[in-house]
Amino acid sequence: MDRKTIKNIWKACSKQDKWDLINERAKLKAQLDEVEYNGVIGVCESSMDCDCVKGGSARRRPRLTLIEEWKRNEDYYHYLEGPGSMWYCDPREIKRDESWSRDLIMEAFEDGHPHVVYG
């Protein structure tokens, strides 16, 4: 988004929406300040897509500016294909970067268990 677009969105917001946005960003900043260690943060993610494939990751990465972190959060939730969550943790809790996934329907099929996905 360019500066002009942001100004137009800001003008269109009600006073309460502006306060909500300010409070959410302050809360994000507090979370990042709490988990940052030597300029690095830990990010954990967990999600399940529409085909019942569960996945997640735990990784360390450099802390970005508040606006960049906010954009990453928005992008993460925007592109999810099912339920998911993302949270920050102390990077010292993560021994090494890792990711995992499980195809629940295929596992059930291979084990001979019936599995139903409701839409």
N, C-alpha and C. Protein backbone atom coordinates (compact mmCIF):
# COMPACT_ATOMS: atom_id res chain seq x y z
N MET A 1 0.84 -1.18 0.00
CA MET A 1 0.00 0.00 0.00
C MET A 1 0.88 1.24 0.00
N ASP A 2 0.45 2.21 -0.76
CA ASP A 2 1.21 3.45 -0.77
C ASP A 2 0.66 4.40 0.29
N ARG A 3 1.36 5.47 0.50
CA ARG A 3 1.03 6.44 1.54
C ARG A 3 -0.36 7.05 1.34
N LYS A 4 -0.72 7.34 0.08
CA LYS A 4 -2.00 7.96 -0.22
C LYS A 4 -3.16 7.03 0.13
N THR A 5 -3.01 5.76 -0.20
CA THR A 5 -4.05 4.78 0.12
C THR A 5 -4.25 4.68 1.63
N ILE A 6 -3.14 4.64 2.37
CA ILE A 6 -3.23 4.55 3.82
C ILE A 6 -3.94 5.78 4.39
N LYS A 7 -3.62 6.96 3.88
CA LYS A 7 -4.29 8.18 4.35
C LYS A 7 -5.78 8.13 4.08
N ASN A 8 -6.18 7.65 2.90
CA ASN A 8 -7.61 7.57 2.57
C ASN A 8 -8.34 6.58 3.48
N ILE A 9 -7.71 5.45 3.75
CA ILE A 9 -8.32 4.47 4.67
C ILE A 9 -8.45 5.07 6.06
N TRP A 10 -7.42 5.76 6.51
CA TRP A 10 -7.43 6.38 7.84
C TRP A 10 -8.54 7.41 7.95
N LYS A 11 -8.74 8.21 6.91
CA LYS A 11 -9.81 9.22 6.92
C LYS A 11 -11.19 8.57 6.98
N ALA A 12 -11.34 7.43 6.33
CA ALA A 12 -12.63 6.75 6.27
C ALA A 12 -12.99 6.03 7.57
N CYS A 13 -12.02 5.79 8.42
CA CYS A 13 -12.25 5.07 9.68
C CYS A 13 -12.99 5.95 10.68
N SER A 14 -13.84 5.30 11.48
CA SER A 14 -14.48 6.01 12.57
C SER A 14 -13.46 6.21 13.69
N LYS A 15 -13.81 7.04 14.65
CA LYS A 15 -12.90 7.30 15.77
C LYS A 15 -12.62 6.01 16.55
N GLN A 16 -13.68 5.20 16.76
CA GLN A 16 -13.50 3.94 17.49
C GLN A 16 -12.60 2.98 16.72
N ASP A 17 -12.76 2.91 15.39
CA ASP A 17 -11.90 2.04 14.57
C ASP A 17 -10.44 2.46 14.69
N LYS A 18 -10.20 3.76 14.71
CA LYS A 18 -8.82 4.24 14.83
C LYS A 18 -8.22 3.82 16.17
N TRP A 19 -9.00 3.96 17.25
CA TRP A 19 -8.50 3.55 18.56
C TRP A 19 -8.26 2.05 18.61
N ASP A 20 -9.15 1.27 17.99
CA ASP A 20 -8.96 -0.18 17.95
C ASP A 20 -7.67 -0.54 17.23
N LEU A 21 -7.43 0.11 16.10
CA LEU A 21 -6.21 -0.15 15.34
C LEU A 21 -4.96 0.22 16.14
N ILE A 22 -5.00 1.36 16.79
CA ILE A 22 -3.86 1.80 17.61
C ILE A 22 -3.62 0.81 18.75
N ASN A 23 -4.69 0.37 19.41
CA ASN A 23 -4.56 -0.58 20.51
C ASN A 23 -4.03 -1.94 20.04
N GLU A 24 -4.48 -2.40 18.87
CA GLU A 24 -3.99 -3.68 18.35
C GLU A 24 -2.51 -3.60 18.01
N ARG A 25 -2.09 -2.50 17.44
CA ARG A 25 -0.67 -2.36 17.12
C ARG A 25 0.17 -2.25 18.39
N ALA A 26 -0.36 -1.56 19.40
CA ALA A 26 0.37 -1.47 20.67
C ALA A 26 0.49 -2.86 21.31
N LYS A 27 -0.56 -3.66 21.20
CA LYS A 27 -0.52 -5.01 21.75
C LYS A 27 0.51 -5.87 21.01
N LEU A 28 0.56 -5.73 19.67
CA LEU A 28 1.56 -6.47 18.89
C LEU A 28 2.97 -6.05 19.27
N LYS A 29 3.19 -4.75 19.44
CA LYS A 29 4.51 -4.26 19.84
C LYS A 29 4.92 -4.83 21.19
N ALA A 30 3.97 -4.88 22.13
CA ALA A 30 4.26 -5.43 23.46
C ALA A 30 4.63 -6.91 23.36
N GLN A 31 3.91 -7.67 22.51
CA GLN A 31 4.22 -9.09 22.33
C GLN A 31 5.62 -9.27 21.76
N LEU A 32 5.95 -8.47 20.77
CA LEU A 32 7.27 -8.58 20.15
C LEU A 32 8.38 -8.18 21.12
N ASP A 33 8.15 -7.13 21.90
CA ASP A 33 9.15 -6.70 22.88
C ASP A 33 9.39 -7.79 23.92
N GLU A 34 8.32 -8.51 24.28
CA GLU A 34 8.41 -9.54 25.31
C GLU A 34 9.24 -10.73 24.86
N VAL A 35 9.16 -11.11 23.58
CA VAL A 35 9.85 -12.32 23.12
C VAL A 35 11.17 -12.06 22.41
N GLU A 36 11.48 -10.82 22.12
CA GLU A 36 12.71 -10.52 21.38
C GLU A 36 13.94 -10.83 22.23
N TYR A 37 14.94 -11.44 21.59
CA TYR A 37 16.20 -11.72 22.26
C TYR A 37 17.32 -11.45 21.25
N ASN A 38 18.13 -10.45 21.51
CA ASN A 38 19.22 -10.05 20.61
C ASN A 38 18.74 -9.80 19.17
N GLY A 39 17.60 -9.16 19.04
CA GLY A 39 17.08 -8.81 17.72
C GLY A 39 16.42 -9.95 16.97
N VAL A 40 16.21 -11.09 17.64
CA VAL A 40 15.62 -12.26 17.01
C VAL A 40 14.33 -12.61 17.75
N ILE A 41 13.32 -13.07 17.00
CA ILE A 41 12.07 -13.53 17.61
C ILE A 41 11.79 -14.95 17.15
N GLY A 42 10.96 -15.66 17.90
CA GLY A 42 10.50 -16.99 17.50
C GLY A 42 9.07 -16.89 16.99
N VAL A 43 8.79 -17.56 15.89
CA VAL A 43 7.45 -17.54 15.31
C VAL A 43 6.99 -18.99 15.16
N CYS A 44 5.82 -19.29 15.71
CA CYS A 44 5.24 -20.63 15.60
C CYS A 44 3.91 -20.52 14.85
N GLU A 45 3.66 -21.48 13.99
CA GLU A 45 2.44 -21.48 13.19
C GLU A 45 1.85 -22.89 13.20
N SER A 46 0.53 -22.95 13.15
CA SER A 46 -0.17 -24.23 13.06
C SER A 46 -1.43 -24.00 12.24
N SER A 47 -1.71 -24.90 11.30
CA SER A 47 -2.90 -24.73 10.47
C SER A 47 -3.35 -26.08 9.90
N MET A 48 -4.58 -26.08 9.37
CA MET A 48 -5.10 -27.24 8.66
C MET A 48 -5.84 -26.72 7.43
N ASP A 49 -5.51 -27.26 6.27
CA ASP A 49 -6.15 -26.76 5.06
C ASP A 49 -7.47 -27.50 4.80
N CYS A 50 -8.11 -27.16 3.70
CA CYS A 50 -9.43 -27.71 3.39
C CYS A 50 -9.40 -29.20 3.07
N ASP A 51 -8.24 -29.78 2.81
CA ASP A 51 -8.10 -31.21 2.53
C ASP A 51 -7.67 -31.99 3.76
N CYS A 52 -7.78 -31.40 4.92
CA CYS A 52 -7.40 -32.02 6.20
C CYS A 52 -5.92 -32.37 6.28
N VAL A 53 -5.08 -31.51 5.75
CA VAL A 53 -3.64 -31.65 5.91
C VAL A 53 -3.22 -30.66 6.99
N LYS A 54 -2.78 -31.20 8.12
CA LYS A 54 -2.32 -30.35 9.22
C LYS A 54 -0.85 -30.04 9.02
N GLY A 55 -0.47 -28.85 9.41
CA GLY A 55 0.93 -28.48 9.30
C GLY A 55 1.29 -27.40 10.29
N GLY A 56 2.57 -27.21 10.45
CA GLY A 56 3.03 -26.18 11.36
C GLY A 56 4.52 -25.97 11.24
N SER A 57 4.98 -24.94 11.91
CA SER A 57 6.41 -24.66 11.90
C SER A 57 6.78 -23.87 13.15
N ALA A 58 8.03 -23.97 13.48
CA ALA A 58 8.62 -23.17 14.55
C ALA A 58 9.96 -22.70 14.03
N ARG A 59 10.15 -21.40 13.98
CA ARG A 59 11.39 -20.87 13.42
C ARG A 59 11.80 -19.59 14.10
N ARG A 60 13.07 -19.30 13.97
CA ARG A 60 13.62 -18.05 14.47
C ARG A 60 13.89 -17.15 13.29
N ARG A 61 13.67 -15.86 13.48
CA ARG A 61 14.00 -14.91 12.41
C ARG A 61 14.23 -13.54 13.02
N PRO A 62 14.91 -12.67 12.28
CA PRO A 62 15.14 -11.32 12.79
C PRO A 62 13.82 -10.57 12.94
N ARG A 63 13.77 -9.75 13.95
CA ARG A 63 12.57 -8.93 14.16
C ARG A 63 12.53 -7.83 13.09
N LEU A 64 11.35 -7.61 12.56
CA LEU A 64 11.14 -6.58 11.55
C LEU A 64 10.54 -5.34 12.22
N THR A 65 10.32 -4.31 11.44
CA THR A 65 9.64 -3.13 11.99
C THR A 65 8.21 -3.52 12.32
N LEU A 66 7.55 -2.71 13.11
CA LEU A 66 6.18 -3.01 13.53
C LEU A 66 5.24 -3.11 12.33
N ILE A 67 5.38 -2.22 11.36
CA ILE A 67 4.51 -2.24 10.18
C ILE A 67 4.74 -3.51 9.37
N GLU A 68 6.00 -3.94 9.22
CA GLU A 68 6.29 -5.16 8.47
C GLU A 68 5.75 -6.39 9.19
N GLU A 69 5.86 -6.41 10.52
CA GLU A 69 5.30 -7.53 11.29
C GLU A 69 3.78 -7.56 11.14
N TRP A 70 3.15 -6.38 11.20
CA TRP A 70 1.70 -6.28 11.06
C TRP A 70 1.28 -6.83 9.69
N LYS A 71 2.01 -6.48 8.64
CA LYS A 71 1.70 -6.93 7.29
C LYS A 71 1.86 -8.44 7.18
N ARG A 72 2.90 -8.99 7.79
CA ARG A 72 3.11 -10.44 7.77
C ARG A 72 1.94 -11.16 8.44
N ASN A 73 1.48 -10.63 9.57
CA ASN A 73 0.34 -11.23 10.26
C ASN A 73 -0.90 -11.21 9.37
N GLU A 74 -1.17 -10.07 8.75
CA GLU A 74 -2.34 -9.96 7.88
C GLU A 74 -2.23 -10.94 6.71
N ASP A 75 -1.05 -11.03 6.12
CA ASP A 75 -0.86 -11.96 4.99
C ASP A 75 -1.05 -13.40 5.43
N TYR A 76 -0.54 -13.76 6.59
CA TYR A 76 -0.67 -15.14 7.07
C TYR A 76 -2.14 -15.52 7.18
N TYR A 77 -2.93 -14.69 7.85
CA TYR A 77 -4.34 -15.02 8.04
C TYR A 77 -5.16 -14.87 6.76
N HIS A 78 -4.74 -14.00 5.87
CA HIS A 78 -5.46 -13.81 4.61
C HIS A 78 -5.33 -15.04 3.70
N TYR A 79 -4.18 -15.67 3.68
CA TYR A 79 -3.93 -16.77 2.75
C TYR A 79 -4.17 -18.16 3.36
N LEU A 80 -4.71 -18.24 4.57
CA LEU A 80 -5.03 -19.54 5.15
C LEU A 80 -6.15 -20.20 4.36
N GLU A 81 -6.10 -21.54 4.24
CA GLU A 81 -7.16 -22.27 3.57
C GLU A 81 -8.07 -22.99 4.56
N GLY A 82 -7.89 -22.74 5.83
CA GLY A 82 -8.67 -23.38 6.87
C GLY A 82 -8.30 -22.76 8.20
N PRO A 83 -8.62 -23.43 9.31
CA PRO A 83 -8.27 -22.87 10.61
C PRO A 83 -6.76 -22.83 10.82
N GLY A 84 -6.30 -21.82 11.51
CA GLY A 84 -4.88 -21.71 11.77
C GLY A 84 -4.59 -20.66 12.81
N SER A 85 -3.40 -20.71 13.33
CA SER A 85 -2.99 -19.70 14.31
C SER A 85 -1.48 -19.47 14.20
N MET A 86 -1.08 -18.29 14.63
CA MET A 86 0.32 -17.92 14.64
C MET A 86 0.58 -17.21 15.96
N TRP A 87 1.70 -17.50 16.58
CA TRP A 87 2.04 -16.84 17.83
C TRP A 87 3.55 -16.67 17.91
N TYR A 88 3.95 -15.77 18.77
CA TYR A 88 5.36 -15.47 18.97
C TYR A 88 5.84 -16.15 20.23
N CYS A 89 7.09 -16.59 20.21
CA CYS A 89 7.68 -17.21 21.40
C CYS A 89 9.13 -16.78 21.51
N ASP A 90 9.71 -17.06 22.64
CA ASP A 90 11.11 -16.74 22.87
C ASP A 90 11.97 -17.59 21.92
N PRO A 91 12.85 -16.98 21.15
CA PRO A 91 13.65 -17.77 20.19
C PRO A 91 14.55 -18.80 20.87
N ARG A 92 14.84 -18.62 22.15
CA ARG A 92 15.69 -19.59 22.86
C ARG A 92 14.94 -20.91 23.10
N GLU A 93 13.59 -20.88 23.01
CA GLU A 93 12.80 -22.10 23.18
C GLU A 93 12.87 -23.00 21.94
N ILE A 94 13.26 -22.42 20.81
CA ILE A 94 13.32 -23.18 19.56
C ILE A 94 14.76 -23.64 19.35
N LYS A 95 14.99 -24.93 19.45
CA LYS A 95 16.35 -25.48 19.32
C LYS A 95 16.85 -25.36 17.89
N ARG A 96 15.98 -25.66 16.93
CA ARG A 96 16.32 -25.51 15.51
C ARG A 96 15.02 -25.24 14.76
N ASP A 97 15.12 -24.59 13.62
CA ASP A 97 13.94 -24.32 12.82
C ASP A 97 13.39 -25.64 12.29
N GLU A 98 12.08 -25.82 12.38
CA GLU A 98 11.48 -27.05 11.91
C GLU A 98 10.07 -26.81 11.40
N SER A 99 9.62 -27.70 10.55
CA SER A 99 8.24 -27.67 10.08
C SER A 99 7.75 -29.11 9.97
N TRP A 100 6.46 -29.29 10.01
CA TRP A 100 5.89 -30.63 9.96
C TRP A 100 4.53 -30.56 9.25
N SER A 101 4.08 -31.70 8.74
CA SER A 101 2.74 -31.79 8.16
C SER A 101 2.25 -33.23 8.25
N ARG A 102 0.93 -33.38 8.31
CA ARG A 102 0.28 -34.69 8.36
C ARG A 102 -0.96 -34.64 7.48
N ASP A 103 -1.09 -35.62 6.60
CA ASP A 103 -2.28 -35.76 5.77
C ASP A 103 -3.21 -36.72 6.50
N LEU A 104 -4.20 -36.19 7.20
CA LEU A 104 -5.05 -37.01 8.05
C LEU A 104 -5.90 -37.99 7.25
N ILE A 105 -6.39 -37.59 6.10
CA ILE A 105 -7.21 -38.48 5.29
C ILE A 105 -6.38 -39.65 4.76
N MET A 106 -5.19 -39.37 4.27
CA MET A 106 -4.33 -40.44 3.75
C MET A 106 -3.91 -41.39 4.87
N GLU A 107 -3.61 -40.87 6.05
CA GLU A 107 -3.25 -41.73 7.17
C GLU A 107 -4.39 -42.66 7.52
N ALA A 108 -5.61 -42.13 7.56
CA ALA A 108 -6.77 -42.96 7.89
C ALA A 108 -6.98 -44.03 6.81
N PHE A 109 -6.81 -43.66 5.55
CA PHE A 109 -6.98 -44.62 4.45
C PHE A 109 -5.93 -45.73 4.54
N GLU A 110 -4.68 -45.35 4.79
CA GLU A 110 -3.61 -46.35 4.85
C GLU A 110 -3.78 -47.29 6.03
N ASP A 111 -4.34 -46.79 7.14
CA ASP A 111 -4.56 -47.62 8.32
C ASP A 111 -5.87 -48.39 8.25
N GLY A 112 -6.64 -48.18 7.19
CA GLY A 112 -7.90 -48.89 7.04
C GLY A 112 -9.05 -48.30 7.85
N HIS A 113 -8.90 -47.08 8.30
CA HIS A 113 -9.96 -46.44 9.09
C HIS A 113 -10.79 -45.55 8.17
N PRO A 114 -12.10 -45.57 8.35
CA PRO A 114 -12.91 -44.66 7.55
C PRO A 114 -12.72 -43.22 8.07
N HIS A 115 -12.71 -42.30 7.17
CA HIS A 115 -12.57 -40.89 7.58
C HIS A 115 -13.52 -40.06 6.74
N VAL A 116 -14.26 -39.21 7.38
CA VAL A 116 -15.25 -38.38 6.70
C VAL A 116 -14.87 -36.93 6.88
N VAL A 117 -14.97 -36.16 5.81
CA VAL A 117 -14.73 -34.73 5.88
C VAL A 117 -16.06 -34.04 5.60
N TYR A 118 -16.54 -33.29 6.56
CA TYR A 118 -17.79 -32.56 6.39
C TYR A 118 -17.49 -31.16 5.86
N GLY A 119 -18.22 -30.71 4.87
CA GLY A 119 -17.99 -29.40 4.27
C GLY A 119 -18.77 -28.30 4.84
